[in-house]
Amino acid sequence: PVVKITINNSVLFKSGSSYVNSSAHNLLGELANLI
């Protein structure tokens, strides 16, 4: 019953960075609503 979501890091982060791109916040917000 597992759901696995895979997000390419080019969507979430700049190269070598661990800060989430602001452009990805809407996507993660939708996922947060589901959770």
PDB file of all heavy atoms in Angstrom:
ATOM      1  N   PRO A   1       0.828  -1.204   0.000  1.00  0.00           N
ATOM      2  CA  PRO A   1       0.000   0.000   0.000  1.00  0.00           C
ATOM      3  C   PRO A   1       0.861   1.252   0.000  1.00  0.00           C
ATOM      4  O   PRO A   1       0.432   2.306   0.395  1.00  0.00           O
ATOM      5  CB  PRO A   1      -0.765  -0.130   1.303  1.00  0.00           C
ATOM      6  CG  PRO A   1       0.258  -0.733   2.237  1.00  0.00           C
ATOM      7  CD  PRO A   1       1.129  -1.638   1.376  1.00  0.00           C
ATOM      8  N   VAL A   2       2.109   1.086  -0.440  1.00  0.00           N
ATOM      9  CA  VAL A   2       3.076   2.181  -0.378  1.00  0.00           C
ATOM     10  C   VAL A   2       2.964   3.067  -1.617  1.00  0.00           C
ATOM     11  O   VAL A   2       2.757   2.579  -2.726  1.00  0.00           O
ATOM     12  CB  VAL A   2       4.511   1.616  -0.259  1.00  0.00           C
ATOM     13  CG1 VAL A   2       5.545   2.712  -0.423  1.00  0.00           C
ATOM     14  CG2 VAL A   2       4.690   0.921   1.083  1.00  0.00           C
ATOM     15  N   VAL A   3       3.104   4.371  -1.423  1.00  0.00           N
ATOM     16  CA  VAL A   3       3.157   5.324  -2.527  1.00  0.00           C
ATOM     17  C   VAL A   3       4.532   5.978  -2.493  1.00  0.00           C
ATOM     18  O   VAL A   3       4.923   6.574  -1.493  1.00  0.00           O
ATOM     19  CB  VAL A   3       2.064   6.404  -2.397  1.00  0.00           C
ATOM     20  CG1 VAL A   3       2.193   7.430  -3.521  1.00  0.00           C
ATOM     21  CG2 VAL A   3       0.676   5.766  -2.417  1.00  0.00           C
ATOM     22  N   LYS A   4       5.283   5.831  -3.584  1.00  0.00           N
ATOM     23  CA  LYS A   4       6.617   6.428  -3.661  1.00  0.00           C
ATOM     24  C   LYS A   4       6.606   7.560  -4.677  1.00  0.00           C
ATOM     25  O   LYS A   4       6.253   7.363  -5.836  1.00  0.00           O
ATOM     26  CB  LYS A   4       7.673   5.392  -4.047  1.00  0.00           C
ATOM     27  CG  LYS A   4       9.080   5.997  -4.162  1.00  0.00           C
ATOM     28  CD  LYS A   4      10.137   4.942  -4.438  1.00  0.00           C
ATOM     29  CE  LYS A   4      10.455   4.161  -3.185  1.00  0.00           C
ATOM     30  NZ  LYS A   4      11.624   3.261  -3.370  1.00  0.00           N
ATOM     31  N   ILE A   5       7.006   8.738  -4.236  1.00  0.00           N
ATOM     32  CA  ILE A   5       7.068   9.924  -5.079  1.00  0.00           C
ATOM     33  C   ILE A   5       8.535  10.234  -5.320  1.00  0.00           C
ATOM     34  O   ILE A   5       9.317  10.340  -4.371  1.00  0.00           O
ATOM     35  CB  ILE A   5       6.380  11.118  -4.391  1.00  0.00           C
ATOM     36  CG1 ILE A   5       4.906  10.772  -4.099  1.00  0.00           C
ATOM     37  CG2 ILE A   5       6.479  12.377  -5.226  1.00  0.00           C
ATOM     38  CD1 ILE A   5       4.384  11.407  -2.857  1.00  0.00           C
ATOM     39  N   THR A   6       8.924  10.358  -6.579  1.00  0.00           N
ATOM     40  CA  THR A   6      10.308  10.658  -6.933  1.00  0.00           C
ATOM     41  C   THR A   6      10.370  12.029  -7.586  1.00  0.00           C
ATOM     42  O   THR A   6       9.659  12.297  -8.550  1.00  0.00           O
ATOM     43  CB  THR A   6      10.872   9.599  -7.891  1.00  0.00           C
ATOM     44  OG1 THR A   6      10.792   8.303  -7.281  1.00  0.00           O
ATOM     45  CG2 THR A   6      12.326   9.888  -8.227  1.00  0.00           C
ATOM     46  N   ILE A   7      11.218  12.890  -7.054  1.00  0.00           N
ATOM     47  CA  ILE A   7      11.380  14.242  -7.586  1.00  0.00           C
ATOM     48  C   ILE A   7      12.836  14.418  -7.993  1.00  0.00           C
ATOM     49  O   ILE A   7      13.749  14.199  -7.191  1.00  0.00           O
ATOM     50  CB  ILE A   7      11.015  15.311  -6.540  1.00  0.00           C
ATOM     51  CG1 ILE A   7       9.638  15.030  -5.929  1.00  0.00           C
ATOM     52  CG2 ILE A   7      11.045  16.700  -7.167  1.00  0.00           C
ATOM     53  CD1 ILE A   7       9.261  15.976  -4.808  1.00  0.00           C
ATOM     54  N   ASN A   8      13.056  14.797  -9.246  1.00  0.00           N
ATOM     55  CA  ASN A   8      14.413  15.071  -9.697  1.00  0.00           C
ATOM     56  C   ASN A   8      14.957  16.265  -8.930  1.00  0.00           C
ATOM     57  O   ASN A   8      14.257  17.261  -8.731  1.00  0.00           O
ATOM     58  CB  ASN A   8      14.407  15.366 -11.198  1.00  0.00           C
ATOM     59  CG  ASN A   8      15.810  15.409 -11.752  1.00  0.00           C
ATOM     60  OD1 ASN A   8      16.510  16.392 -11.583  1.00  0.00           O
ATOM     61  ND2 ASN A   8      16.213  14.343 -12.413  1.00  0.00           N
ATOM     62  N   ASN A   9      16.204  16.178  -8.491  1.00  0.00           N
ATOM     63  CA  ASN A   9      16.760  17.251  -7.673  1.00  0.00           C
ATOM     64  C   ASN A   9      16.927  18.561  -8.427  1.00  0.00           C
ATOM     65  O   ASN A   9      17.080  19.624  -7.810  1.00  0.00           O
ATOM     66  CB  ASN A   9      18.097  16.817  -7.064  1.00  0.00           C
ATOM     67  CG  ASN A   9      17.904  16.021  -5.784  1.00  0.00           C
ATOM     68  OD1 ASN A   9      16.791  15.935  -5.260  1.00  0.00           O
ATOM     69  ND2 ASN A   9      18.971  15.424  -5.280  1.00  0.00           N
ATOM     70  N   SER A  10      16.895  18.522  -9.767  1.00  0.00           N
ATOM     71  CA  SER A  10      16.950  19.770 -10.526  1.00  0.00           C
ATOM     72  C   SER A  10      15.690  20.605 -10.285  1.00  0.00           C
ATOM     73  O   SER A  10      15.698  21.824 -10.460  1.00  0.00           O
ATOM     74  CB  SER A  10      17.099  19.476 -12.022  1.00  0.00           C
ATOM     75  OG  SER A  10      15.965  18.775 -12.508  1.00  0.00           O
ATOM     76  N   VAL A  11      14.601  19.949  -9.871  1.00  0.00           N
ATOM     77  CA  VAL A  11      13.358  20.651  -9.530  1.00  0.00           C
ATOM     78  C   VAL A  11      13.472  21.290  -8.150  1.00  0.00           C
ATOM     79  O   VAL A  11      12.960  22.393  -7.909  1.00  0.00           O
ATOM     80  CB  VAL A  11      12.158  19.689  -9.572  1.00  0.00           C
ATOM     81  CG1 VAL A  11      10.880  20.368  -9.101  1.00  0.00           C
ATOM     82  CG2 VAL A  11      11.969  19.116 -10.972  1.00  0.00           C
ATOM     83  N   LEU A  12      14.157  20.603  -7.232  1.00  0.00           N
ATOM     84  CA  LEU A  12      14.182  21.027  -5.836  1.00  0.00           C
ATOM     85  C   LEU A  12      15.365  21.909  -5.460  1.00  0.00           C
ATOM     86  O   LEU A  12      15.233  22.791  -4.592  1.00  0.00           O
ATOM     87  CB  LEU A  12      14.190  19.795  -4.925  1.00  0.00           C
ATOM     88  CG  LEU A  12      12.955  18.901  -4.945  1.00  0.00           C
ATOM     89  CD1 LEU A  12      13.192  17.672  -4.080  1.00  0.00           C
ATOM     90  CD2 LEU A  12      11.729  19.658  -4.465  1.00  0.00           C
ATOM     91  N   PHE A  13      16.548  21.670  -6.059  1.00  0.00           N
ATOM     92  CA  PHE A  13      17.769  22.316  -5.582  1.00  0.00           C
ATOM     93  C   PHE A  13      18.629  22.834  -6.738  1.00  0.00           C
ATOM     94  O   PHE A  13      18.611  22.281  -7.833  1.00  0.00           O
ATOM     95  CB  PHE A  13      18.625  21.316  -4.779  1.00  0.00           C
ATOM     96  CG  PHE A  13      17.897  20.621  -3.670  1.00  0.00           C
ATOM     97  CD1 PHE A  13      17.417  19.326  -3.843  1.00  0.00           C
ATOM     98  CD2 PHE A  13      17.692  21.253  -2.457  1.00  0.00           C
ATOM     99  CE1 PHE A  13      16.748  18.675  -2.822  1.00  0.00           C
ATOM    100  CE2 PHE A  13      17.025  20.606  -1.428  1.00  0.00           C
ATOM    101  CZ  PHE A  13      16.547  19.319  -1.606  1.00  0.00           C
ATOM    102  N   LYS A  14      19.405  23.872  -6.452  1.00  0.00           N
ATOM    103  CA  LYS A  14      20.469  24.279  -7.359  1.00  0.00           C
ATOM    104  C   LYS A  14      21.658  23.334  -7.162  1.00  0.00           C
ATOM    105  O   LYS A  14      21.776  22.683  -6.125  1.00  0.00           O
ATOM    106  CB  LYS A  14      20.874  25.727  -7.097  1.00  0.00           C
ATOM    107  CG  LYS A  14      19.818  26.739  -7.513  1.00  0.00           C
ATOM    108  CD  LYS A  14      20.301  28.163  -7.269  1.00  0.00           C
ATOM    109  CE  LYS A  14      19.331  29.173  -7.873  1.00  0.00           C
ATOM    110  NZ  LYS A  14      17.975  29.086  -7.296  1.00  0.00           N
ATOM    111  N   SER A  15      22.527  23.265  -8.147  1.00  0.00           N
ATOM    112  CA  SER A  15      23.668  22.345  -8.085  1.00  0.00           C
ATOM    113  C   SER A  15      24.507  22.589  -6.831  1.00  0.00           C
ATOM    114  O   SER A  15      24.906  23.725  -6.543  1.00  0.00           O
ATOM    115  CB  SER A  15      24.540  22.526  -9.329  1.00  0.00           C
ATOM    116  OG  SER A  15      25.658  21.682  -9.271  1.00  0.00           O
ATOM    117  N   GLY A  16      24.742  21.516  -6.069  1.00  0.00           N
ATOM    118  CA  GLY A  16      25.569  21.598  -4.876  1.00  0.00           C
ATOM    119  C   GLY A  16      24.909  22.251  -3.685  1.00  0.00           C
ATOM    120  O   GLY A  16      25.531  22.395  -2.628  1.00  0.00           O
ATOM    121  N   SER A  17      23.640  22.641  -3.817  1.00  0.00           N
ATOM    122  CA  SER A  17      22.945  23.349  -2.738  1.00  0.00           C
ATOM    123  C   SER A  17      22.000  22.427  -1.996  1.00  0.00           C
ATOM    124  O   SER A  17      21.493  21.458  -2.561  1.00  0.00           O
ATOM    125  CB  SER A  17      22.159  24.529  -3.314  1.00  0.00           C
ATOM    126  OG  SER A  17      21.329  25.112  -2.316  1.00  0.00           O
ATOM    127  N   SER A  18      21.755  22.740  -0.727  1.00  0.00           N
ATOM    128  CA  SER A  18      20.781  21.991   0.054  1.00  0.00           C
ATOM    129  C   SER A  18      19.604  22.873   0.468  1.00  0.00           C
ATOM    130  O   SER A  18      18.861  22.532   1.382  1.00  0.00           O
ATOM    131  CB  SER A  18      21.440  21.382   1.298  1.00  0.00           C
ATOM    132  OG  SER A  18      21.989  22.390   2.125  1.00  0.00           O
ATOM    133  N   TYR A  19      19.444  24.006  -0.229  1.00  0.00           N
ATOM    134  CA  TYR A  19      18.300  24.888   0.013  1.00  0.00           C
ATOM    135  C   TYR A  19      17.235  24.635  -1.060  1.00  0.00           C
ATOM    136  O   TYR A  19      17.536  24.660  -2.256  1.00  0.00           O
ATOM    137  CB  TYR A  19      18.732  26.350  -0.008  1.00  0.00           C
ATOM    138  CG  TYR A  19      19.671  26.709   1.127  1.00  0.00           C
ATOM    139  CD1 TYR A  19      21.049  26.719   0.931  1.00  0.00           C
ATOM    140  CD2 TYR A  19      19.180  27.020   2.400  1.00  0.00           C
ATOM    141  CE1 TYR A  19      21.916  27.025   1.970  1.00  0.00           C
ATOM    142  CE2 TYR A  19      20.043  27.330   3.441  1.00  0.00           C
ATOM    143  CZ  TYR A  19      21.407  27.326   3.220  1.00  0.00           C
ATOM    144  OH  TYR A  19      22.255  27.621   4.256  1.00  0.00           O
ATOM    145  N   VAL A  20      16.011  24.390  -0.625  1.00  0.00           N
ATOM    146  CA  VAL A  20      14.936  24.072  -1.563  1.00  0.00           C
ATOM    147  C   VAL A  20      14.581  25.311  -2.381  1.00  0.00           C
ATOM    148  O   VAL A  20      14.352  26.394  -1.822  1.00  0.00           O
ATOM    149  CB  VAL A  20      13.685  23.559  -0.821  1.00  0.00           C
ATOM    150  CG1 VAL A  20      12.564  23.257  -1.804  1.00  0.00           C
ATOM    151  CG2 VAL A  20      14.025  22.317   0.001  1.00  0.00           C
ATOM    152  N   ASN A  21      14.533  25.155  -3.714  1.00  0.00           N
ATOM    153  CA  ASN A  21      14.147  26.261  -4.585  1.00  0.00           C
ATOM    154  C   ASN A  21      12.748  26.763  -4.230  1.00  0.00           C
ATOM    155  O   ASN A  21      11.841  25.958  -3.998  1.00  0.00           O
ATOM    156  CB  ASN A  21      14.147  25.808  -6.050  1.00  0.00           C
ATOM    157  CG  ASN A  21      15.533  25.453  -6.543  1.00  0.00           C
ATOM    158  OD1 ASN A  21      16.528  26.006  -6.089  1.00  0.00           O
ATOM    159  ND2 ASN A  21      15.605  24.519  -7.488  1.00  0.00           N
ATOM    160  N   SER A  22      12.571  28.070  -4.209  1.00  0.00           N
ATOM    161  CA  SER A  22      11.246  28.629  -3.917  1.00  0.00           C
ATOM    162  C   SER A  22      10.224  28.200  -4.963  1.00  0.00           C
ATOM    163  O   SER A  22       9.037  28.079  -4.664  1.00  0.00           O
ATOM    164  CB  SER A  22      11.313  30.153  -3.847  1.00  0.00           C
ATOM    165  OG  SER A  22      11.800  30.698  -5.065  1.00  0.00           O
ATOM    166  N   SER A  23      10.691  27.926  -6.192  1.00  0.00           N
ATOM    167  CA  SER A  23       9.783  27.503  -7.259  1.00  0.00           C
ATOM    168  C   SER A  23       9.186  26.122  -7.001  1.00  0.00           C
ATOM    169  O   SER A  23       8.187  25.740  -7.615  1.00  0.00           O
ATOM    170  CB  SER A  23      10.521  27.490  -8.605  1.00  0.00           C
ATOM    171  OG  SER A  23      11.652  26.631  -8.558  1.00  0.00           O
ATOM    172  N   ALA A  24       9.802  25.361  -6.078  1.00  0.00           N
ATOM    173  CA  ALA A  24       9.295  24.026  -5.752  1.00  0.00           C
ATOM    174  C   ALA A  24       8.346  24.035  -4.569  1.00  0.00           C
ATOM    175  O   ALA A  24       7.784  22.996  -4.218  1.00  0.00           O
ATOM    176  CB  ALA A  24      10.467  23.080  -5.465  1.00  0.00           C
ATOM    177  N   HIS A  25       8.143  25.191  -3.950  1.00  0.00           N
ATOM    178  CA  HIS A  25       7.317  25.248  -2.749  1.00  0.00           C
ATOM    179  C   HIS A  25       5.862  24.872  -3.031  1.00  0.00           C
ATOM    180  O   HIS A  25       5.219  24.203  -2.211  1.00  0.00           O
ATOM    181  CB  HIS A  25       7.389  26.634  -2.110  1.00  0.00           C
ATOM    182  CG  HIS A  25       8.667  26.885  -1.380  1.00  0.00           C
ATOM    183  ND1 HIS A  25       8.826  27.890  -0.447  1.00  0.00           N
ATOM    184  CD2 HIS A  25       9.867  26.248  -1.442  1.00  0.00           C
ATOM    185  CE1 HIS A  25      10.059  27.862   0.035  1.00  0.00           C
ATOM    186  NE2 HIS A  25      10.715  26.887  -0.563  1.00  0.00           N
ATOM    187  N   ASN A  26       5.325  25.295  -4.168  1.00  0.00           N
ATOM    188  CA  ASN A  26       3.934  24.956  -4.484  1.00  0.00           C
ATOM    189  C   ASN A  26       3.750  23.451  -4.608  1.00  0.00           C
ATOM    190  O   ASN A  26       2.762  22.886  -4.126  1.00  0.00           O
ATOM    191  CB  ASN A  26       3.494  25.650  -5.775  1.00  0.00           C
ATOM    192  CG  ASN A  26       3.250  27.132  -5.579  1.00  0.00           C
ATOM    193  OD1 ASN A  26       3.093  27.601  -4.456  1.00  0.00           O
ATOM    194  ND2 ASN A  26       3.242  27.880  -6.669  1.00  0.00           N
ATOM    195  N   LEU A  27       4.707  22.802  -5.265  1.00  0.00           N
ATOM    196  CA  LEU A  27       4.644  21.354  -5.434  1.00  0.00           C
ATOM    197  C   LEU A  27       4.680  20.651  -4.085  1.00  0.00           C
ATOM    198  O   LEU A  27       3.865  19.759  -3.803  1.00  0.00           O
ATOM    199  CB  LEU A  27       5.803  20.894  -6.310  1.00  0.00           C
ATOM    200  CG  LEU A  27       5.915  19.395  -6.582  1.00  0.00           C
ATOM    201  CD1 LEU A  27       4.700  18.896  -7.347  1.00  0.00           C
ATOM    202  CD2 LEU A  27       7.185  19.095  -7.357  1.00  0.00           C
ATOM    203  N   LEU A  28       5.618  21.052  -3.224  1.00  0.00           N
ATOM    204  CA  LEU A  28       5.716  20.438  -1.905  1.00  0.00           C
ATOM    205  C   LEU A  28       4.511  20.795  -1.039  1.00  0.00           C
ATOM    206  O   LEU A  28       4.113  20.008  -0.178  1.00  0.00           O
ATOM    207  CB  LEU A  28       7.012  20.873  -1.231  1.00  0.00           C
ATOM    208  CG  LEU A  28       8.303  20.337  -1.872  1.00  0.00           C
ATOM    209  CD1 LEU A  28       9.523  20.889  -1.167  1.00  0.00           C
ATOM    210  CD2 LEU A  28       8.329  18.814  -1.860  1.00  0.00           C
ATOM    211  N   GLY A  29       3.929  21.961  -1.284  1.00  0.00           N
ATOM    212  CA  GLY A  29       2.720  22.332  -0.550  1.00  0.00           C
ATOM    213  C   GLY A  29       1.563  21.411  -0.882  1.00  0.00           C
ATOM    214  O   GLY A  29       0.789  21.026   0.010  1.00  0.00           O
ATOM    215  N   GLU A  30       1.421  21.053  -2.164  1.00  0.00           N
ATOM    216  CA  GLU A  30       0.376  20.103  -2.561  1.00  0.00           C
ATOM    217  C   GLU A  30       0.596  18.749  -1.892  1.00  0.00           C
ATOM    218  O   GLU A  30      -0.342  18.109  -1.413  1.00  0.00           O
ATOM    219  CB  GLU A  30       0.366  19.934  -4.084  1.00  0.00           C
ATOM    220  CG  GLU A  30      -0.127  21.139  -4.846  1.00  0.00           C
ATOM    221  CD  GLU A  30      -1.622  21.350  -4.666  1.00  0.00           C
ATOM    222  OE1 GLU A  30      -2.327  20.393  -4.314  1.00  0.00           O
ATOM    223  OE2 GLU A  30      -2.079  22.497  -4.851  1.00  0.00           O
ATOM    224  N   LEU A  31       1.841  18.325  -1.874  1.00  0.00           N
ATOM    225  CA  LEU A  31       2.169  17.054  -1.235  1.00  0.00           C
ATOM    226  C   LEU A  31       1.904  17.122   0.264  1.00  0.00           C
ATOM    227  O   LEU A  31       1.375  16.165   0.859  1.00  0.00           O
ATOM    228  CB  LEU A  31       3.629  16.710  -1.505  1.00  0.00           C
ATOM    229  CG  LEU A  31       4.153  15.413  -0.899  1.00  0.00           C
ATOM    230  CD1 LEU A  31       3.319  14.223  -1.338  1.00  0.00           C
ATOM    231  CD2 LEU A  31       5.608  15.209  -1.286  1.00  0.00           C
ATOM    232  N   ALA A  32       2.225  18.247   0.882  1.00  0.00           N
ATOM    233  CA  ALA A  32       1.978  18.407   2.318  1.00  0.00           C
ATOM    234  C   ALA A  32       0.491  18.321   2.629  1.00  0.00           C
ATOM    235  O   ALA A  32       0.087  17.722   3.639  1.00  0.00           O
ATOM    236  CB  ALA A  32       2.547  19.744   2.792  1.00  0.00           C
ATOM    237  N   ASN A  33      -0.338  18.901   1.766  1.00  0.00           N
ATOM    238  CA  ASN A  33      -1.785  18.815   1.981  1.00  0.00           C
ATOM    239  C   ASN A  33      -2.264  17.370   1.947  1.00  0.00           C
ATOM    240  O   ASN A  33      -3.143  16.971   2.719  1.00  0.00           O
ATOM    241  CB  ASN A  33      -2.517  19.636   0.914  1.00  0.00           C
ATOM    242  CG  ASN A  33      -2.355  21.129   1.132  1.00  0.00           C
ATOM    243  OD1 ASN A  33      -2.114  21.580   2.256  1.00  0.00           O
ATOM    244  ND2 ASN A  33      -2.471  21.894   0.065  1.00  0.00           N
ATOM    245  N   LEU A  34      -1.702  16.584   1.033  1.00  0.00           N
ATOM    246  CA  LEU A  34      -2.048  15.169   0.967  1.00  0.00           C
ATOM    247  C   LEU A  34      -1.643  14.449   2.246  1.00  0.00           C
ATOM    248  O   LEU A  34      -2.413  13.679   2.823  1.00  0.00           O
ATOM    249  CB  LEU A  34      -1.377  14.521  -0.243  1.00  0.00           C
ATOM    250  CG  LEU A  34      -1.500  12.998  -0.334  1.00  0.00           C
ATOM    251  CD1 LEU A  34      -2.947  12.594  -0.584  1.00  0.00           C
ATOM    252  CD2 LEU A  34      -0.608  12.453  -1.439  1.00  0.00           C
ATOM    253  N   ILE A  35      -0.422  14.723   2.712  1.00  0.00           N
ATOM    254  CA  ILE A  35       0.074  14.069   3.924  1.00  0.00           C
ATOM    255  C   ILE A  35      -0.794  14.439   5.123  1.00  0.00           C
ATOM    256  O   ILE A  35      -1.150  13.581   5.943  1.00  0.00           O
ATOM    257  CB  ILE A  35       1.542  14.460   4.180  1.00  0.00           C
ATOM    258  CG1 ILE A  35       2.440  13.894   3.064  1.00  0.00           C
ATOM    259  CG2 ILE A  35       2.014  13.959   5.545  1.00  0.00           C
ATOM    260  CD1 ILE A  35       3.852  14.455   3.077  1.00  0.00           C
TER     261      ILE A  35
END
